[in-house]
Amino acid sequence: MTENFEGFGKMVGFGLRPAMIVIDFIRGFTDENHLLGSNYETQLVATKHLLQNARSCNIPIIFTTVQYEGHLLDGAHFVKKIPALNTLIEGSKDVELDPLLERQSNEPLIVKKFASAFFGTSLASMLTSLNIDTLILVGCTTSGCVRATAVDSIQHGYYTIIPQECVGDRSPSAHEASLYDIQTKYGDVVSLQEVLHYFMNRQEENRDVSSSH
């Protein structure tokens, strides 16, 4: 990410009401032996740390998975383009979330069929009902579902944040190119520490507001 174009890539920052979207950290993607799998061990550990902090700060967390019915018609041409997706059949182990993330019972799971977490799902309605203005996107893959969700996120009017330690891709070059692309046009690519600092400051601000009443 060495190129720099004047007039692109301004840091927009965080809003006031964040939510975390955990994109497709499912067994079919996190198991290296799976046709769709890769090694996301460091990203999963970083994401788990971020999730623990989000939970302690009462920040909403929403997970996504990809799954299809056995006929695969719900995957349309996407499944034709990526035949390996036909392994992600509802009810199979492959569509289950990676257990390391320890999803809680009050954390929704959105089932999607295509790349963006917004497309054909209830995500936008859910975020509106929660009065969210900032999305922190983690998961895989950076060049696929993370990037697609980032594009839709800014188009829906959200501050869009990507902690780079918490996203990954099968292809290192696609990962780097996509982070550059997101930072240039769609969201703020930041460090995990910056997000943790934001959580801490937000918690302190909320505590100050509560104590003043």
Protein backbone atom coordinates (compact mmCIF):
# COMPACT_ATOMS: atom_id res chain seq x y z
CA MET A 1 0.00 0.00 0.00
CA THR A 2 2.59 2.54 -1.12
CA GLU A 3 0.67 4.53 -3.73
CA ASN A 4 -0.98 7.73 -2.63
CA PHE A 5 -3.43 9.76 -4.71
CA GLU A 6 -4.26 13.29 -3.69
CA GLY A 7 -7.90 13.65 -2.72
CA PHE A 8 -8.34 9.99 -1.73
CA GLY A 9 -8.12 8.05 1.53
CA LYS A 10 -9.08 10.70 4.10
CA MET A 11 -9.59 9.20 7.56
CA VAL A 12 -13.25 9.70 8.47
CA GLY A 13 -13.10 8.35 12.01
CA PHE A 14 -15.60 6.74 14.36
CA GLY A 15 -19.14 7.71 15.20
CA LEU A 16 -20.92 7.43 18.53
CA ARG A 17 -22.92 4.18 18.35
CA PRO A 18 -20.86 1.22 17.08
CA ALA A 19 -21.65 -2.37 16.25
CA MET A 20 -19.32 -5.21 15.31
CA ILE A 21 -20.05 -7.32 12.23
CA VAL A 22 -18.19 -10.64 12.29
CA ILE A 23 -18.17 -11.80 8.68
CA ASP A 24 -18.05 -15.49 7.80
CA PHE A 25 -15.56 -16.81 10.34
CA ILE A 26 -17.15 -20.24 9.81
CA ARG A 27 -15.59 -23.70 9.89
CA GLY A 28 -15.69 -23.99 6.10
CA PHE A 29 -13.39 -20.98 5.86
CA THR A 30 -11.24 -21.33 9.00
CA ASP A 31 -10.44 -25.04 8.53
CA GLU A 32 -7.32 -25.23 6.36
CA ASN A 33 -8.30 -28.72 5.17
CA HIS A 34 -11.55 -27.46 3.67
CA LEU A 35 -11.77 -26.60 -0.01
CA LEU A 36 -12.62 -23.00 0.95
CA GLY A 37 -10.38 -22.91 4.00
CA SER A 38 -7.27 -20.99 4.98
CA ASN A 39 -5.20 -20.26 8.08
CA TYR A 40 -6.86 -17.44 10.03
CA GLU A 41 -5.45 -18.35 13.44
CA THR A 42 -3.95 -14.92 14.17
CA GLN A 43 -7.05 -13.12 12.89
CA LEU A 44 -9.32 -15.31 15.02
CA VAL A 45 -7.28 -14.65 18.15
CA ALA A 46 -7.30 -10.90 17.49
CA THR A 47 -11.04 -10.99 16.80
CA LYS A 48 -11.72 -12.93 19.99
CA HIS A 49 -9.86 -10.24 21.95
CA LEU A 50 -11.89 -7.52 20.27
CA LEU A 51 -15.14 -9.39 20.90
CA GLN A 52 -14.34 -9.74 24.59
CA ASN A 53 -13.84 -5.99 24.85
CA ALA A 54 -16.96 -5.24 22.82
CA ARG A 55 -19.03 -7.45 25.13
CA SER A 56 -17.66 -5.75 28.23
CA CYS A 57 -18.67 -2.41 26.70
CA ASN A 58 -22.16 -3.64 25.68
CA ILE A 59 -21.45 -3.03 21.99
CA PRO A 60 -23.82 -4.97 19.71
CA ILE A 61 -22.24 -7.89 17.86
CA ILE A 62 -23.71 -9.50 14.75
CA PHE A 63 -22.31 -12.63 13.10
CA THR A 64 -22.79 -13.82 9.53
CA THR A 65 -22.56 -17.21 7.88
CA VAL A 66 -23.05 -18.43 4.32
CA GLN A 67 -25.30 -21.40 3.68
CA TYR A 68 -27.41 -22.84 0.88
CA GLU A 69 -30.24 -25.28 0.50
CA GLY A 70 -29.36 -28.57 -1.15
CA HIS A 71 -30.71 -27.51 -4.56
CA LEU A 72 -28.29 -24.49 -4.56
CA LEU A 73 -30.80 -22.33 -6.44
CA ASP A 74 -30.58 -19.78 -3.63
CA GLY A 75 -26.93 -19.28 -4.61
CA ALA A 76 -27.81 -18.46 -8.23
CA HIS A 77 -24.78 -17.71 -10.41
CA PHE A 78 -22.55 -17.06 -7.37
CA VAL A 79 -22.34 -20.80 -6.75
CA LYS A 80 -21.62 -21.39 -10.43
CA LYS A 81 -18.79 -18.86 -10.30
CA ILE A 82 -17.35 -20.39 -7.11
CA PRO A 83 -18.24 -24.11 -7.22
CA ALA A 84 -16.55 -24.69 -3.85
CA LEU A 85 -19.46 -22.83 -2.24
CA ASN A 86 -21.64 -25.86 -2.88
CA THR A 87 -20.09 -27.41 0.23
CA LEU A 88 -21.80 -24.81 2.44
CA ILE A 89 -25.09 -26.65 2.86
CA GLU A 90 -27.47 -25.74 5.69
CA GLY A 91 -27.15 -28.12 8.62
CA SER A 92 -23.55 -29.04 7.83
CA LYS A 93 -20.60 -28.42 10.14
CA ASP A 94 -19.03 -26.18 7.49
CA VAL A 95 -21.55 -23.36 8.01
CA GLU A 96 -21.10 -23.27 11.78
CA LEU A 97 -19.21 -20.38 13.36
CA ASP A 98 -15.67 -21.06 14.49
CA PRO A 99 -16.09 -22.04 18.17
CA LEU A 100 -13.14 -19.88 19.25
CA LEU A 101 -15.36 -16.80 18.91
CA GLU A 102 -17.87 -18.07 21.48
CA ARG A 103 -20.98 -16.42 20.06
CA GLN A 104 -23.43 -15.47 22.81
CA SER A 105 -27.18 -16.13 22.76
CA ASN A 106 -27.99 -12.41 22.40
CA GLU A 107 -25.73 -11.99 19.34
CA PRO A 108 -27.71 -12.41 16.09
CA LEU A 109 -26.57 -14.70 13.31
CA ILE A 110 -27.40 -13.54 9.78
CA VAL A 111 -27.51 -16.11 7.00
CA LYS A 112 -26.38 -14.71 3.67
CA LYS A 113 -26.13 -16.11 0.18
CA PHE A 114 -23.81 -13.62 -1.48
CA ALA A 115 -20.78 -11.50 -0.58
CA SER A 116 -22.17 -8.46 1.22
CA ALA A 117 -23.70 -8.89 4.66
CA PHE A 118 -26.34 -6.36 3.55
CA PHE A 119 -27.51 -8.04 0.35
CA GLY A 120 -30.78 -9.92 0.77
CA THR A 121 -30.57 -9.88 4.59
CA SER A 122 -32.16 -8.06 7.53
CA LEU A 123 -28.89 -6.38 8.55
CA ALA A 124 -29.88 -2.83 7.55
CA SER A 125 -33.18 -3.03 9.45
CA MET A 126 -31.44 -4.46 12.50
CA LEU A 127 -28.84 -1.70 12.55
CA THR A 128 -31.50 0.98 12.14
CA SER A 129 -33.48 -0.43 15.06
CA LEU A 130 -30.33 -0.31 17.20
CA ASN A 131 -29.61 3.29 16.13
CA ILE A 132 -26.10 2.31 14.98
CA ASP A 133 -23.87 4.78 13.12
CA THR A 134 -20.52 2.94 13.06
CA LEU A 135 -19.67 -0.54 11.77
CA ILE A 136 -16.51 -2.35 12.78
CA LEU A 137 -15.97 -5.10 10.21
CA VAL A 138 -13.92 -8.21 10.95
CA GLY A 139 -13.74 -11.59 9.26
CA CYS A 140 -12.96 -13.14 5.89
CA THR A 141 -12.21 -12.76 3.16
CA THR A 142 -10.77 -9.28 2.84
CA SER A 143 -11.12 -9.27 -0.95
CA GLY A 144 -14.57 -10.84 -0.93
CA CYS A 145 -17.21 -10.52 1.75
CA VAL A 146 -15.36 -7.97 3.90
CA ARG A 147 -14.78 -5.61 0.99
CA ALA A 148 -18.33 -6.05 -0.34
CA THR A 149 -19.76 -5.30 3.10
CA ALA A 150 -17.50 -2.26 3.46
CA VAL A 151 -18.76 -0.85 0.16
CA ASP A 152 -22.38 -1.36 1.20
CA SER A 153 -21.65 0.00 4.67
CA ILE A 154 -20.53 3.41 3.43
CA GLN A 155 -23.37 3.43 0.89
CA HIS A 156 -25.82 2.91 3.77
CA GLY A 157 -24.31 5.87 5.62
CA TYR A 158 -22.17 4.18 8.27
CA TYR A 159 -18.74 5.10 9.54
CA THR A 160 -16.85 2.04 8.34
CA ILE A 161 -13.89 0.71 10.33
CA ILE A 162 -11.67 -2.28 9.49
CA PRO A 163 -9.12 -3.38 12.14
CA GLN A 164 -6.49 -4.90 9.90
CA GLU A 165 -5.38 -7.59 12.36
CA CYS A 166 -8.92 -9.01 12.34
CA VAL A 167 -9.42 -9.62 8.61
CA GLY A 168 -7.76 -12.15 6.34
CA ASP A 169 -7.74 -13.69 2.89
CA ARG A 170 -6.57 -16.84 1.13
CA SER A 171 -4.41 -14.64 -1.09
CA PRO A 172 -1.91 -12.28 0.64
CA SER A 173 -1.75 -10.08 -2.46
CA ALA A 174 -5.56 -9.83 -2.67
CA HIS A 175 -5.64 -9.03 1.06
CA GLU A 176 -3.17 -6.16 0.72
CA ALA A 177 -4.80 -4.80 -2.44
CA SER A 178 -8.24 -4.88 -0.83
CA LEU A 179 -7.10 -3.13 2.34
CA TYR A 180 -5.58 -0.44 0.13
CA ASP A 181 -8.79 -0.21 -1.90
CA ILE A 182 -10.98 0.04 1.22
CA GLN A 183 -8.75 2.67 2.82
CA THR A 184 -8.64 4.69 -0.38
CA LYS A 185 -12.39 4.78 -0.99
CA TYR A 186 -14.69 3.05 1.46
CA GLY A 187 -13.56 2.88 5.08
CA ASP A 188 -10.84 3.50 7.62
CA VAL A 189 -8.29 0.68 7.90
CA VAL A 190 -6.92 0.96 11.43
CA SER A 191 -5.05 -1.08 14.01
CA LEU A 192 -6.73 -3.33 16.55
CA GLN A 193 -5.31 -1.09 19.25
CA GLU A 194 -7.11 1.94 17.82
CA VAL A 195 -10.44 0.14 18.04
CA LEU A 196 -9.74 -1.01 21.60
CA HIS A 197 -8.86 2.58 22.51
CA TYR A 198 -12.14 3.76 20.96
CA PHE A 199 -14.06 1.18 23.00
CA MET A 200 -12.33 2.27 26.20
CA ASN A 201 -12.96 5.97 25.58
CA ARG A 202 -16.59 5.30 24.73
CA GLN A 203 -17.05 3.30 27.94
CA GLU A 204 -15.52 6.11 29.99
CA GLU A 205 -17.74 8.71 28.30
CA ASN A 206 -20.84 6.63 29.01
CA ARG A 207 -19.74 6.24 32.63
CA ASP A 208 -19.31 10.01 32.95
CA VAL A 209 -22.77 10.62 31.50
CA SER A 210 -24.32 8.10 33.89
CA SER A 211 -22.60 9.61 36.93
CA SER A 212 -23.82 13.10 36.03
CA HIS A 213 -27.48 12.09 36.29
